[in-house]
Amino acid sequence: MASAATLANRWSFTDDTADSVGGNTGVLVGDASVSGGQLVLDGAPNGPGADSMGFTTPLDIGGTHGANGVTIESWYTDTGSGSWSKLFSFGNGTGGANIIFNIQQGGSGQGRVQYQGMGGEFNFGARPALSEEHYLALTISPEGLVNLYIDGAQIPVVNGATTGDGNDLSTLPSSWERIGASNWGDAGMSGSVNEFRIWDGELSAGEVSQSFALGPDSVVPE
């Protein structure tokens, strides 16, 4: 069965930072590298200069996907990322209007998702086990409804509910877009990213489960 979502960008890091679908080649920052089919990040230094990956042209998630919603998928390994480290951060950074997946909120050892205008944010639980590959999928509707899945299972994103309600996706700024770094003075991500995808539209819970089962080398049929 065809998905209602369409794959827009795919970085597989086979040999480089090429985007095999959207043509938006990643730009390595600092000592970030591609090795063994992974984007490799060492967590240093703190802040915007952390080893990370930006993009040749702005993703502009709000402008590009505001009408249909968006799904962000990644297979990643955390080897001990520090306080407030981020797998990704898209928006305006310190301006406060962002989509962020915090690998660790503060020094709590807990994970957290942040999305512009979403009240009731809380730590969803212990961050996934270190030094093991995990799968993440984050969907946001045009109206700003947020759903998070880790290793195929849905995870609450606000206190008392699995779905968070934020601002319309189309209003998301695009001045800060990075994998592995923060626009604040936070630690960078320590670990690696095997695969990173952006879909135009929302994958369903069933499609997320299927994608997790297929793994990073296959794509849910469109």
N, C-alpha and C. Protein backbone atom coordinates (compact mmCIF):
# COMPACT_ATOMS: atom_id res chain seq x y z
N MET A 1 0.85 -1.20 0.00
CA MET A 1 0.00 0.00 0.00
C MET A 1 0.88 1.25 0.00
N ALA A 2 0.59 2.19 -0.84
CA ALA A 2 1.39 3.40 -0.95
C ALA A 2 1.20 4.28 0.29
N SER A 3 2.28 4.94 0.70
CA SER A 3 2.23 5.85 1.83
C SER A 3 1.63 7.19 1.39
N ALA A 4 0.96 7.86 2.34
CA ALA A 4 0.46 9.21 2.06
C ALA A 4 1.59 10.22 2.13
N ALA A 5 2.72 9.82 2.69
CA ALA A 5 3.90 10.69 2.78
C ALA A 5 4.85 10.39 1.62
N THR A 6 5.60 11.40 1.22
CA THR A 6 6.57 11.27 0.13
C THR A 6 7.96 11.60 0.66
N LEU A 7 8.91 10.73 0.39
CA LEU A 7 10.27 10.95 0.87
C LEU A 7 10.87 12.17 0.17
N ALA A 8 11.33 13.14 0.96
CA ALA A 8 11.86 14.39 0.42
C ALA A 8 13.37 14.46 0.45
N ASN A 9 13.98 13.92 1.53
CA ASN A 9 15.43 13.95 1.69
C ASN A 9 15.90 12.65 2.32
N ARG A 10 17.06 12.18 1.88
CA ARG A 10 17.62 10.96 2.47
C ARG A 10 19.15 11.04 2.48
N TRP A 11 19.69 11.08 3.69
CA TRP A 11 21.14 11.04 3.86
C TRP A 11 21.51 9.69 4.45
N SER A 12 22.22 8.86 3.68
CA SER A 12 22.58 7.51 4.11
C SER A 12 24.04 7.40 4.54
N PHE A 13 24.86 8.41 4.24
CA PHE A 13 26.25 8.46 4.68
C PHE A 13 27.05 7.24 4.25
N THR A 14 26.72 6.71 3.07
CA THR A 14 27.43 5.54 2.56
C THR A 14 28.91 5.85 2.37
N ASP A 15 29.19 6.94 1.67
CA ASP A 15 30.57 7.39 1.47
C ASP A 15 30.74 8.88 1.74
N ASP A 16 29.62 9.61 1.76
CA ASP A 16 29.68 11.06 1.87
C ASP A 16 28.37 11.58 2.45
N THR A 17 28.12 12.86 2.30
CA THR A 17 26.91 13.48 2.87
C THR A 17 25.84 13.76 1.81
N ALA A 18 25.88 13.01 0.72
CA ALA A 18 24.91 13.23 -0.36
C ALA A 18 23.48 12.95 0.11
N ASP A 19 22.56 13.76 -0.38
CA ASP A 19 21.12 13.55 -0.20
C ASP A 19 20.63 12.88 -1.48
N SER A 20 20.37 11.58 -1.41
CA SER A 20 20.07 10.80 -2.61
C SER A 20 18.70 11.09 -3.18
N VAL A 21 17.84 11.77 -2.46
CA VAL A 21 16.48 12.06 -2.91
C VAL A 21 16.31 13.54 -3.25
N GLY A 22 16.68 14.41 -2.34
CA GLY A 22 16.44 15.84 -2.52
C GLY A 22 17.61 16.64 -3.05
N GLY A 23 18.79 16.02 -3.12
CA GLY A 23 19.96 16.71 -3.66
C GLY A 23 20.54 17.78 -2.76
N ASN A 24 20.16 17.80 -1.48
CA ASN A 24 20.65 18.81 -0.55
C ASN A 24 21.83 18.23 0.25
N THR A 25 23.01 18.33 -0.33
CA THR A 25 24.20 17.74 0.26
C THR A 25 24.48 18.33 1.64
N GLY A 26 24.80 17.45 2.59
CA GLY A 26 25.14 17.91 3.92
C GLY A 26 26.49 18.60 3.95
N VAL A 27 26.65 19.54 4.87
CA VAL A 27 27.89 20.30 5.04
C VAL A 27 28.47 19.95 6.41
N LEU A 28 29.65 19.33 6.43
CA LEU A 28 30.28 18.93 7.68
C LEU A 28 30.84 20.15 8.40
N VAL A 29 30.62 20.18 9.71
CA VAL A 29 31.09 21.28 10.56
C VAL A 29 32.13 20.73 11.54
N GLY A 30 33.23 21.46 11.72
CA GLY A 30 34.27 21.03 12.65
C GLY A 30 34.92 19.74 12.21
N ASP A 31 35.07 18.81 13.15
CA ASP A 31 35.72 17.54 12.86
C ASP A 31 34.73 16.43 12.53
N ALA A 32 33.49 16.78 12.25
CA ALA A 32 32.52 15.76 11.83
C ALA A 32 33.04 15.05 10.59
N SER A 33 32.75 13.76 10.49
CA SER A 33 33.26 12.98 9.36
C SER A 33 32.26 11.91 8.97
N VAL A 34 32.49 11.32 7.82
CA VAL A 34 31.71 10.16 7.37
C VAL A 34 32.67 8.98 7.33
N SER A 35 32.32 7.94 8.07
CA SER A 35 33.19 6.77 8.14
C SER A 35 32.34 5.54 8.42
N GLY A 36 32.61 4.45 7.72
CA GLY A 36 31.89 3.21 7.95
C GLY A 36 30.41 3.32 7.71
N GLY A 37 30.00 4.18 6.78
CA GLY A 37 28.58 4.34 6.48
C GLY A 37 27.82 5.14 7.52
N GLN A 38 28.52 5.95 8.31
CA GLN A 38 27.89 6.73 9.37
C GLN A 38 28.43 8.15 9.37
N LEU A 39 27.58 9.09 9.80
CA LEU A 39 28.03 10.42 10.16
C LEU A 39 28.57 10.32 11.58
N VAL A 40 29.85 10.63 11.78
CA VAL A 40 30.50 10.43 13.07
C VAL A 40 30.72 11.78 13.75
N LEU A 41 30.26 11.88 15.00
CA LEU A 41 30.32 13.13 15.77
C LEU A 41 30.94 12.84 17.13
N ASP A 42 31.83 13.75 17.60
CA ASP A 42 32.54 13.47 18.86
C ASP A 42 32.09 14.33 20.03
N GLY A 43 31.05 15.17 19.83
CA GLY A 43 30.48 15.92 20.94
C GLY A 43 31.18 17.21 21.31
N ALA A 44 32.22 17.58 20.57
CA ALA A 44 32.97 18.78 20.92
C ALA A 44 33.07 19.71 19.71
N PRO A 45 33.31 21.00 19.95
CA PRO A 45 33.15 21.69 21.23
C PRO A 45 31.67 21.93 21.52
N ASN A 46 31.36 22.57 22.62
CA ASN A 46 29.97 22.91 22.92
C ASN A 46 29.48 24.01 21.98
N GLY A 47 28.16 24.09 21.82
CA GLY A 47 27.56 25.19 21.10
C GLY A 47 27.51 25.03 19.59
N PRO A 48 27.28 26.12 18.87
CA PRO A 48 27.08 26.06 17.42
C PRO A 48 28.25 25.51 16.64
N GLY A 49 29.46 25.59 17.22
CA GLY A 49 30.64 25.08 16.52
C GLY A 49 30.88 23.61 16.71
N ALA A 50 29.98 22.91 17.39
CA ALA A 50 30.16 21.48 17.63
C ALA A 50 30.24 20.71 16.32
N ASP A 51 31.00 19.63 16.33
CA ASP A 51 31.05 18.75 15.17
C ASP A 51 29.63 18.33 14.85
N SER A 52 29.21 18.58 13.62
CA SER A 52 27.80 18.41 13.27
C SER A 52 27.66 18.47 11.76
N MET A 53 26.42 18.49 11.27
CA MET A 53 26.16 18.62 9.85
C MET A 53 25.07 19.64 9.60
N GLY A 54 25.38 20.61 8.73
CA GLY A 54 24.39 21.54 8.22
C GLY A 54 24.00 21.14 6.81
N PHE A 55 23.50 22.08 6.03
CA PHE A 55 22.95 21.75 4.72
C PHE A 55 23.35 22.79 3.69
N THR A 56 23.49 22.35 2.44
CA THR A 56 23.89 23.24 1.36
C THR A 56 22.88 24.36 1.16
N THR A 57 21.61 24.00 1.17
CA THR A 57 20.53 24.99 1.07
C THR A 57 19.57 24.78 2.23
N PRO A 58 18.87 25.83 2.68
CA PRO A 58 17.96 25.67 3.81
C PRO A 58 16.90 24.60 3.56
N LEU A 59 16.65 23.79 4.58
CA LEU A 59 15.57 22.82 4.49
C LEU A 59 14.22 23.52 4.52
N ASP A 60 14.12 24.58 5.31
CA ASP A 60 12.89 25.35 5.46
C ASP A 60 11.70 24.42 5.67
N ILE A 61 11.75 23.67 6.76
CA ILE A 61 10.73 22.66 7.02
C ILE A 61 9.33 23.27 7.07
N GLY A 62 9.20 24.45 7.67
CA GLY A 62 7.89 25.09 7.73
C GLY A 62 7.36 25.45 6.36
N GLY A 63 8.20 26.08 5.54
CA GLY A 63 7.76 26.49 4.21
C GLY A 63 7.57 25.33 3.26
N THR A 64 8.42 24.31 3.39
CA THR A 64 8.38 23.18 2.46
C THR A 64 7.30 22.17 2.82
N HIS A 65 7.09 21.94 4.11
CA HIS A 65 6.19 20.87 4.54
C HIS A 65 4.99 21.36 5.35
N GLY A 66 4.83 22.68 5.45
CA GLY A 66 3.74 23.22 6.26
C GLY A 66 2.36 22.79 5.82
N ALA A 67 2.18 22.56 4.52
CA ALA A 67 0.84 22.21 4.02
C ALA A 67 0.48 20.76 4.27
N ASN A 68 1.49 19.87 4.29
CA ASN A 68 1.22 18.42 4.38
C ASN A 68 1.71 17.77 5.66
N GLY A 69 2.45 18.50 6.48
CA GLY A 69 3.07 17.89 7.65
C GLY A 69 4.43 17.32 7.29
N VAL A 70 5.14 16.85 8.31
CA VAL A 70 6.50 16.35 8.10
C VAL A 70 6.76 15.15 9.00
N THR A 71 7.62 14.27 8.54
CA THR A 71 8.14 13.17 9.36
C THR A 71 9.65 13.22 9.29
N ILE A 72 10.29 13.19 10.46
CA ILE A 72 11.74 13.10 10.55
C ILE A 72 12.07 11.72 11.07
N GLU A 73 12.91 11.00 10.34
CA GLU A 73 13.34 9.66 10.74
C GLU A 73 14.85 9.63 10.89
N SER A 74 15.33 8.85 11.85
CA SER A 74 16.77 8.66 11.97
C SER A 74 17.09 7.35 12.67
N TRP A 75 18.17 6.74 12.22
CA TRP A 75 18.80 5.63 12.93
C TRP A 75 20.10 6.20 13.48
N TYR A 76 20.27 6.17 14.79
CA TYR A 76 21.41 6.85 15.40
C TYR A 76 21.95 6.04 16.58
N THR A 77 23.18 6.32 16.96
CA THR A 77 23.82 5.70 18.12
C THR A 77 24.39 6.80 19.01
N ASP A 78 24.00 6.78 20.26
CA ASP A 78 24.47 7.74 21.26
C ASP A 78 25.54 7.04 22.11
N THR A 79 26.75 7.57 22.09
CA THR A 79 27.83 6.93 22.85
C THR A 79 28.15 7.65 24.16
N GLY A 80 27.26 8.55 24.58
CA GLY A 80 27.47 9.25 25.84
C GLY A 80 27.37 10.75 25.71
N SER A 81 26.41 11.21 24.91
CA SER A 81 26.24 12.65 24.67
C SER A 81 25.95 13.40 25.97
N GLY A 82 26.50 14.62 26.07
CA GLY A 82 26.42 15.39 27.31
C GLY A 82 25.12 16.15 27.49
N SER A 83 25.14 17.07 28.45
CA SER A 83 23.97 17.82 28.87
C SER A 83 23.36 18.63 27.73
N TRP A 84 22.06 18.47 27.53
CA TRP A 84 21.27 19.16 26.50
C TRP A 84 21.75 18.87 25.07
N SER A 85 22.43 17.77 24.88
CA SER A 85 22.87 17.40 23.52
C SER A 85 21.65 17.10 22.65
N LYS A 86 21.81 17.34 21.36
CA LYS A 86 20.68 17.24 20.44
C LYS A 86 21.03 16.38 19.23
N LEU A 87 20.12 15.46 18.89
CA LEU A 87 20.26 14.73 17.63
C LEU A 87 20.02 15.68 16.48
N PHE A 88 18.99 16.53 16.59
CA PHE A 88 18.74 17.54 15.57
C PHE A 88 18.04 18.74 16.18
N SER A 89 18.19 19.87 15.52
CA SER A 89 17.55 21.12 15.93
C SER A 89 17.27 21.93 14.68
N PHE A 90 15.98 22.21 14.42
CA PHE A 90 15.55 22.97 13.24
C PHE A 90 14.64 24.10 13.70
N GLY A 91 14.93 25.32 13.28
CA GLY A 91 14.08 26.46 13.63
C GLY A 91 14.90 27.73 13.66
N ASN A 92 14.85 28.43 14.82
CA ASN A 92 15.65 29.65 14.95
C ASN A 92 16.55 29.61 16.17
N GLY A 93 16.88 28.40 16.64
CA GLY A 93 17.84 28.24 17.72
C GLY A 93 17.42 28.95 18.98
N THR A 94 18.27 29.88 19.44
CA THR A 94 18.00 30.56 20.70
C THR A 94 16.76 31.45 20.64
N GLY A 95 16.18 31.63 19.45
CA GLY A 95 14.93 32.38 19.34
C GLY A 95 13.75 31.65 19.93
N GLY A 96 13.88 30.32 20.14
CA GLY A 96 12.87 29.56 20.86
C GLY A 96 11.80 28.90 20.02
N ALA A 97 11.83 29.06 18.70
CA ALA A 97 10.83 28.41 17.84
C ALA A 97 11.54 27.31 17.05
N ASN A 98 11.41 26.07 17.52
CA ASN A 98 12.23 24.98 16.99
C ASN A 98 11.51 23.65 17.02
N ILE A 99 12.07 22.70 16.27
CA ILE A 99 11.84 21.27 16.47
C ILE A 99 13.17 20.73 16.98
N ILE A 100 13.18 20.11 18.16
CA ILE A 100 14.42 19.62 18.75
C ILE A 100 14.19 18.24 19.35
N PHE A 101 15.14 17.32 19.11
CA PHE A 101 15.18 16.08 19.87
C PHE A 101 16.40 16.14 20.77
N ASN A 102 16.15 16.30 22.07
CA ASN A 102 17.22 16.32 23.06
C ASN A 102 17.57 14.90 23.45
N ILE A 103 18.79 14.49 23.16
CA ILE A 103 19.23 13.16 23.57
C ILE A 103 19.23 13.07 25.09
N GLN A 104 19.65 14.16 25.75
CA GLN A 104 19.64 14.22 27.21
C GLN A 104 19.23 15.62 27.65
N GLN A 105 18.14 15.70 28.42
CA GLN A 105 17.68 16.98 28.96
C GLN A 105 18.53 17.30 30.19
N GLY A 106 19.27 18.42 30.11
CA GLY A 106 20.15 18.75 31.22
C GLY A 106 21.11 17.61 31.48
N GLY A 107 21.34 17.30 32.73
CA GLY A 107 22.16 16.14 33.08
C GLY A 107 21.32 15.03 33.65
N SER A 108 20.03 15.01 33.29
CA SER A 108 19.07 14.10 33.92
C SER A 108 19.15 12.67 33.41
N GLY A 109 19.76 12.47 32.25
CA GLY A 109 19.72 11.15 31.64
C GLY A 109 18.38 10.85 30.99
N GLN A 110 17.52 11.86 30.88
CA GLN A 110 16.19 11.71 30.30
C GLN A 110 16.15 12.37 28.92
N GLY A 111 15.33 11.84 28.02
CA GLY A 111 15.16 12.43 26.70
C GLY A 111 13.99 13.39 26.68
N ARG A 112 14.00 14.32 25.71
CA ARG A 112 12.91 15.29 25.61
C ARG A 112 12.77 15.78 24.17
N VAL A 113 11.51 15.95 23.74
CA VAL A 113 11.21 16.58 22.46
C VAL A 113 10.68 17.98 22.73
N GLN A 114 11.14 18.94 21.93
CA GLN A 114 10.62 20.30 22.01
C GLN A 114 10.08 20.71 20.64
N TYR A 115 8.92 21.37 20.66
CA TYR A 115 8.35 21.91 19.43
C TYR A 115 7.70 23.24 19.74
N GLN A 116 7.84 24.20 18.85
CA GLN A 116 7.35 25.56 19.07
C GLN A 116 5.88 25.58 19.49
N GLY A 117 5.61 26.25 20.60
CA GLY A 117 4.23 26.43 21.05
C GLY A 117 3.63 25.26 21.78
N MET A 118 4.38 24.16 21.93
CA MET A 118 3.82 22.96 22.57
C MET A 118 3.99 23.06 24.07
N GLY A 119 2.88 23.20 24.78
CA GLY A 119 2.93 23.28 26.23
C GLY A 119 3.02 21.90 26.86
N GLY A 120 3.41 21.86 28.12
CA GLY A 120 3.44 20.60 28.86
C GLY A 120 4.58 19.68 28.50
N GLU A 121 5.66 20.23 27.91
CA GLU A 121 6.80 19.38 27.57
C GLU A 121 7.36 18.73 28.83
N PHE A 122 7.80 17.49 28.70
CA PHE A 122 8.39 16.81 29.85
C PHE A 122 9.37 15.76 29.35
N ASN A 123 10.15 15.23 30.26
CA ASN A 123 11.11 14.19 29.90
C ASN A 123 10.35 12.89 29.70
N PHE A 124 10.52 12.29 28.51
CA PHE A 124 9.69 11.12 28.19
C PHE A 124 10.20 9.84 28.83
N GLY A 125 11.35 9.87 29.47
CA GLY A 125 11.90 8.69 30.12
C GLY A 125 13.39 8.59 29.85
N ALA A 126 13.97 7.54 30.41
CA ALA A 126 15.41 7.36 30.24
C ALA A 126 15.78 7.32 28.76
N ARG A 127 16.86 8.00 28.42
CA ARG A 127 17.28 7.99 27.02
C ARG A 127 17.62 6.56 26.63
N PRO A 128 17.44 6.21 25.36
CA PRO A 128 17.72 4.84 24.92
C PRO A 128 19.15 4.42 25.26
N ALA A 129 19.36 3.12 25.39
CA ALA A 129 20.64 2.57 25.83
C ALA A 129 21.80 3.09 24.99
N LEU A 130 22.89 3.39 25.67
CA LEU A 130 24.08 3.91 25.01
C LEU A 130 24.75 2.85 24.16
N SER A 131 25.43 3.32 23.12
CA SER A 131 26.27 2.48 22.25
C SER A 131 25.48 1.39 21.54
N GLU A 132 24.18 1.61 21.38
CA GLU A 132 23.32 0.74 20.58
C GLU A 132 22.57 1.60 19.57
N GLU A 133 22.35 1.07 18.36
CA GLU A 133 21.61 1.85 17.37
C GLU A 133 20.13 1.86 17.70
N HIS A 134 19.53 3.04 17.60
CA HIS A 134 18.11 3.21 17.85
C HIS A 134 17.45 3.92 16.67
N TYR A 135 16.15 3.72 16.58
CA TYR A 135 15.35 4.33 15.52
C TYR A 135 14.43 5.37 16.11
N LEU A 136 14.38 6.53 15.49
CA LEU A 136 13.49 7.61 15.92
C LEU A 136 12.64 8.06 14.75
N ALA A 137 11.36 8.30 15.01
CA ALA A 137 10.47 8.94 14.03
C ALA A 137 9.66 10.00 14.76
N LEU A 138 9.63 11.18 14.19
CA LEU A 138 8.88 12.30 14.76
C LEU A 138 7.98 12.86 13.67
N THR A 139 6.67 12.85 13.91
CA THR A 139 5.73 13.39 12.93
C THR A 139 5.09 14.66 13.48
N ILE A 140 4.89 15.63 12.60
CA ILE A 140 4.22 16.88 12.97
C ILE A 140 3.21 17.20 11.88
N SER A 141 1.96 17.40 12.27
CA SER A 141 0.90 17.70 11.32
C SER A 141 0.95 19.17 10.92
N PRO A 142 0.25 19.56 9.86
CA PRO A 142 0.19 20.98 9.51
C PRO A 142 -0.28 21.86 10.67
N GLU A 143 -1.15 21.30 11.51
CA GLU A 143 -1.69 22.07 12.64
C GLU A 143 -0.78 22.05 13.87
N GLY A 144 0.32 21.29 13.80
CA GLY A 144 1.26 21.27 14.91
C GLY A 144 1.08 20.14 15.90
N LEU A 145 0.37 19.07 15.53
CA LEU A 145 0.24 17.90 16.40
C LEU A 145 1.49 17.04 16.26
N VAL A 146 2.10 16.71 17.39
CA VAL A 146 3.40 16.05 17.41
C VAL A 146 3.26 14.62 17.93
N ASN A 147 3.85 13.66 17.22
CA ASN A 147 3.91 12.27 17.65
C ASN A 147 5.36 11.80 17.58
N LEU A 148 5.80 11.08 18.60
CA LEU A 148 7.17 10.59 18.69
C LEU A 148 7.17 9.07 18.82
N TYR A 149 8.07 8.44 18.08
CA TYR A 149 8.24 6.99 18.15
C TYR A 149 9.73 6.68 18.33
N ILE A 150 10.04 5.78 19.24
CA ILE A 150 11.41 5.31 19.43
C ILE A 150 11.41 3.80 19.33
N ASP A 151 12.26 3.30 18.44
CA ASP A 151 12.33 1.86 18.17
C ASP A 151 10.95 1.29 17.88
N GLY A 152 10.16 2.06 17.14
CA GLY A 152 8.86 1.61 16.65
C GLY A 152 7.70 1.82 17.59
N ALA A 153 7.97 2.16 18.86
CA ALA A 153 6.90 2.32 19.85
C ALA A 153 6.61 3.80 20.08
N GLN A 154 5.32 4.16 20.19
CA GLN A 154 4.98 5.56 20.43
C GLN A 154 5.32 5.96 21.86
N ILE A 155 5.89 7.15 22.00
CA ILE A 155 6.35 7.67 23.28
C ILE A 155 5.60 8.97 23.58
N PRO A 156 5.13 9.18 24.82
CA PRO A 156 4.48 10.45 25.15
C PRO A 156 5.43 11.63 24.95
N VAL A 157 4.91 12.74 24.43
CA VAL A 157 5.74 13.93 24.23
C VAL A 157 5.36 15.07 25.16
N VAL A 158 4.18 14.99 25.80
CA VAL A 158 3.80 15.97 26.81
C VAL A 158 3.26 15.21 28.01
N ASN A 159 3.20 15.88 29.14
CA ASN A 159 2.78 15.25 30.37
C ASN A 159 1.33 14.78 30.26
N GLY A 160 1.14 13.48 30.30
CA GLY A 160 -0.20 12.91 30.30
C GLY A 160 -0.79 12.61 28.94
N ALA A 161 -0.03 12.80 27.86
CA ALA A 161 -0.58 12.54 26.53
C ALA A 161 0.53 12.13 25.57
N THR A 162 0.16 11.28 24.61
CA THR A 162 1.14 10.86 23.62
C THR A 162 1.34 11.91 22.54
N THR A 163 0.34 12.75 22.30
CA THR A 163 0.42 13.74 21.23
C THR A 163 0.48 15.15 21.82
N GLY A 164 1.47 15.92 21.35
CA GLY A 164 1.59 17.31 21.78
C GLY A 164 0.99 18.25 20.75
N ASP A 165 0.49 19.39 21.19
CA ASP A 165 -0.17 20.34 20.31
C ASP A 165 0.61 21.65 20.32
N GLY A 166 1.26 21.96 19.18
CA GLY A 166 2.05 23.18 19.07
C GLY A 166 1.52 24.11 18.00
N ASN A 167 2.37 25.04 17.58
CA ASN A 167 1.98 26.01 16.55
C ASN A 167 1.90 25.35 15.18
N ASP A 168 1.21 26.00 14.26
CA ASP A 168 1.14 25.51 12.89
C ASP A 168 2.56 25.31 12.35
N LEU A 169 2.77 24.20 11.65
CA LEU A 169 4.10 23.89 11.13
C LEU A 169 4.61 24.97 10.19
N SER A 170 3.72 25.57 9.43
CA SER A 170 4.13 26.56 8.43
C SER A 170 4.82 27.78 9.05
N THR A 171 4.66 27.98 10.36
CA THR A 171 5.26 29.14 11.02
C THR A 171 6.68 28.87 11.51
N LEU A 172 7.18 27.65 11.33
CA LEU A 172 8.52 27.32 11.84
C LEU A 172 9.60 28.09 11.09
N PRO A 173 10.48 28.81 11.79
CA PRO A 173 11.57 29.52 11.11
C PRO A 173 12.62 28.54 10.57
N SER A 174 13.59 29.08 9.84
CA SER A 174 14.59 28.20 9.21
C SER A 174 16.01 28.77 9.28
N SER A 175 16.28 29.62 10.27
CA SER A 175 17.61 30.23 10.35
C SER A 175 18.64 29.34 11.02
N TRP A 176 18.19 28.28 11.70
CA TRP A 176 19.12 27.34 12.36
C TRP A 176 18.68 25.92 12.04
N GLU A 177 19.53 25.16 11.34
CA GLU A 177 19.20 23.79 10.94
C GLU A 177 20.46 22.96 11.06
N ARG A 178 20.44 22.00 11.98
CA ARG A 178 21.67 21.26 12.22
C ARG A 178 21.38 19.86 12.77
N ILE A 179 22.18 18.90 12.36
CA ILE A 179 22.20 17.57 12.95
C ILE A 179 23.40 17.52 13.89
N GLY A 180 23.15 17.29 15.19
CA GLY A 180 24.22 17.04 16.14
C GLY A 180 24.71 18.21 16.95
N ALA A 181 24.22 19.43 16.71
CA ALA A 181 24.71 20.60 17.44
C ALA A 181 23.56 21.46 17.92
N SER A 182 23.89 22.35 18.87
CA SER A 182 22.92 23.26 19.47
C SER A 182 23.31 24.70 19.19
N ASN A 183 22.31 25.56 19.04
CA ASN A 183 22.57 26.99 18.89
C ASN A 183 22.84 27.66 20.24
N TRP A 184 22.58 26.94 21.32
CA TRP A 184 22.95 27.39 22.66
C TRP A 184 24.39 26.91 22.94
N GLY A 185 24.85 27.03 24.17
CA GLY A 185 26.19 26.56 24.52
C GLY A 185 26.20 25.13 25.01
N ASP A 186 25.31 24.31 24.48
CA ASP A 186 25.15 22.93 24.96
C ASP A 186 26.16 21.99 24.34
N ALA A 187 26.29 20.83 24.94
CA ALA A 187 27.16 19.79 24.40
C ALA A 187 26.67 19.35 23.02
N GLY A 188 27.61 19.00 22.16
CA GLY A 188 27.25 18.39 20.89
C GLY A 188 26.95 16.92 21.08
N MET A 189 26.41 16.30 20.06
CA MET A 189 26.13 14.87 20.10
C MET A 189 27.42 14.07 20.01
N SER A 190 27.55 13.07 20.87
CA SER A 190 28.64 12.10 20.78
C SER A 190 28.05 10.79 20.27
N GLY A 191 28.47 10.39 19.09
CA GLY A 191 27.94 9.15 18.53
C GLY A 191 27.95 9.19 17.02
N SER A 192 26.95 8.58 16.42
CA SER A 192 26.91 8.50 14.96
C SER A 192 25.48 8.43 14.47
N VAL A 193 25.30 8.81 13.21
CA VAL A 193 24.00 8.76 12.55
C VAL A 193 24.15 7.88 11.32
N ASN A 194 23.39 6.82 11.27
CA ASN A 194 23.45 5.86 10.16
C ASN A 194 22.61 6.34 8.98
N GLU A 195 21.45 6.92 9.30
CA GLU A 195 20.49 7.32 8.26
C GLU A 195 19.65 8.46 8.82
N PHE A 196 19.37 9.45 7.96
CA PHE A 196 18.51 10.57 8.35
C PHE A 196 17.60 10.88 7.18
N ARG A 197 16.29 10.94 7.44
CA ARG A 197 15.30 11.16 6.38
C ARG A 197 14.30 12.23 6.78
N ILE A 198 13.81 12.93 5.80
CA ILE A 198 12.70 13.86 5.98
C ILE A 198 11.64 13.54 4.95
N TRP A 199 10.41 13.36 5.41
CA TRP A 199 9.27 13.05 4.55
C TRP A 199 8.33 14.26 4.48
N ASP A 200 7.77 14.48 3.32
CA ASP A 200 6.68 15.43 3.18
C ASP A 200 5.39 14.68 3.50
N GLY A 201 4.81 14.97 4.65
CA GLY A 201 3.64 14.24 5.11
C GLY A 201 3.97 13.41 6.34
N GLU A 202 2.95 12.87 6.95
CA GLU A 202 3.10 12.12 8.20
C GLU A 202 3.02 10.61 7.95
N LEU A 203 4.06 9.90 8.34
CA LEU A 203 3.97 8.45 8.35
C LEU A 203 2.99 8.04 9.45
N SER A 204 2.19 7.02 9.17
CA SER A 204 1.26 6.51 10.17
C SER A 204 2.01 5.64 11.18
N ALA A 205 1.35 5.30 12.28
CA ALA A 205 1.97 4.42 13.27
C ALA A 205 2.36 3.09 12.65
N GLY A 206 1.52 2.57 11.77
CA GLY A 206 1.83 1.32 11.09
C GLY A 206 3.03 1.43 10.18
N GLU A 207 3.15 2.55 9.49
CA GLU A 207 4.29 2.77 8.60
C GLU A 207 5.58 2.95 9.39
N VAL A 208 5.48 3.60 10.54
CA VAL A 208 6.65 3.74 11.41
C VAL A 208 7.11 2.36 11.88
N SER A 209 6.17 1.52 12.30
CA SER A 209 6.52 0.17 12.73
C SER A 209 7.17 -0.61 11.59
N GLN A 210 6.64 -0.46 10.38
CA GLN A 210 7.20 -1.15 9.22
C GLN A 210 8.60 -0.63 8.91
N SER A 211 8.79 0.68 9.00
CA SER A 211 10.10 1.27 8.71
C SER A 211 11.13 0.78 9.71
N PHE A 212 10.76 0.73 10.99
CA PHE A 212 11.67 0.22 12.02
C PHE A 212 12.06 -1.23 11.72
N ALA A 213 11.09 -2.04 11.31
CA ALA A 213 11.37 -3.44 11.01
C ALA A 213 12.26 -3.59 9.78
N LEU A 214 12.06 -2.73 8.77
CA LEU A 214 12.86 -2.81 7.55
C LEU A 214 14.29 -2.38 7.78
N GLY A 215 14.51 -1.42 8.67
CA GLY A 215 15.85 -0.93 8.94
C GLY A 215 16.27 0.19 8.02
N PRO A 216 17.48 0.73 8.25
CA PRO A 216 17.91 1.94 7.55
C PRO A 216 18.22 1.77 6.07
N ASP A 217 18.35 0.55 5.61
CA ASP A 217 18.73 0.35 4.21
C ASP A 217 17.54 0.20 3.27
N SER A 218 16.32 0.20 3.82
CA SER A 218 15.11 0.06 3.01
C SER A 218 14.14 1.18 3.35
N VAL A 219 13.25 1.48 2.41
CA VAL A 219 12.29 2.57 2.59
C VAL A 219 10.88 2.02 2.49
N VAL A 220 10.00 2.46 3.39
CA VAL A 220 8.58 2.08 3.32
C VAL A 220 8.07 2.41 1.92
N PRO A 221 7.36 1.48 1.27
CA PRO A 221 6.86 1.76 -0.09
C PRO A 221 6.05 3.04 -0.14
N GLU A 222 6.34 3.86 -1.16
CA GLU A 222 5.60 5.10 -1.34
C GLU A 222 4.40 4.85 -2.24
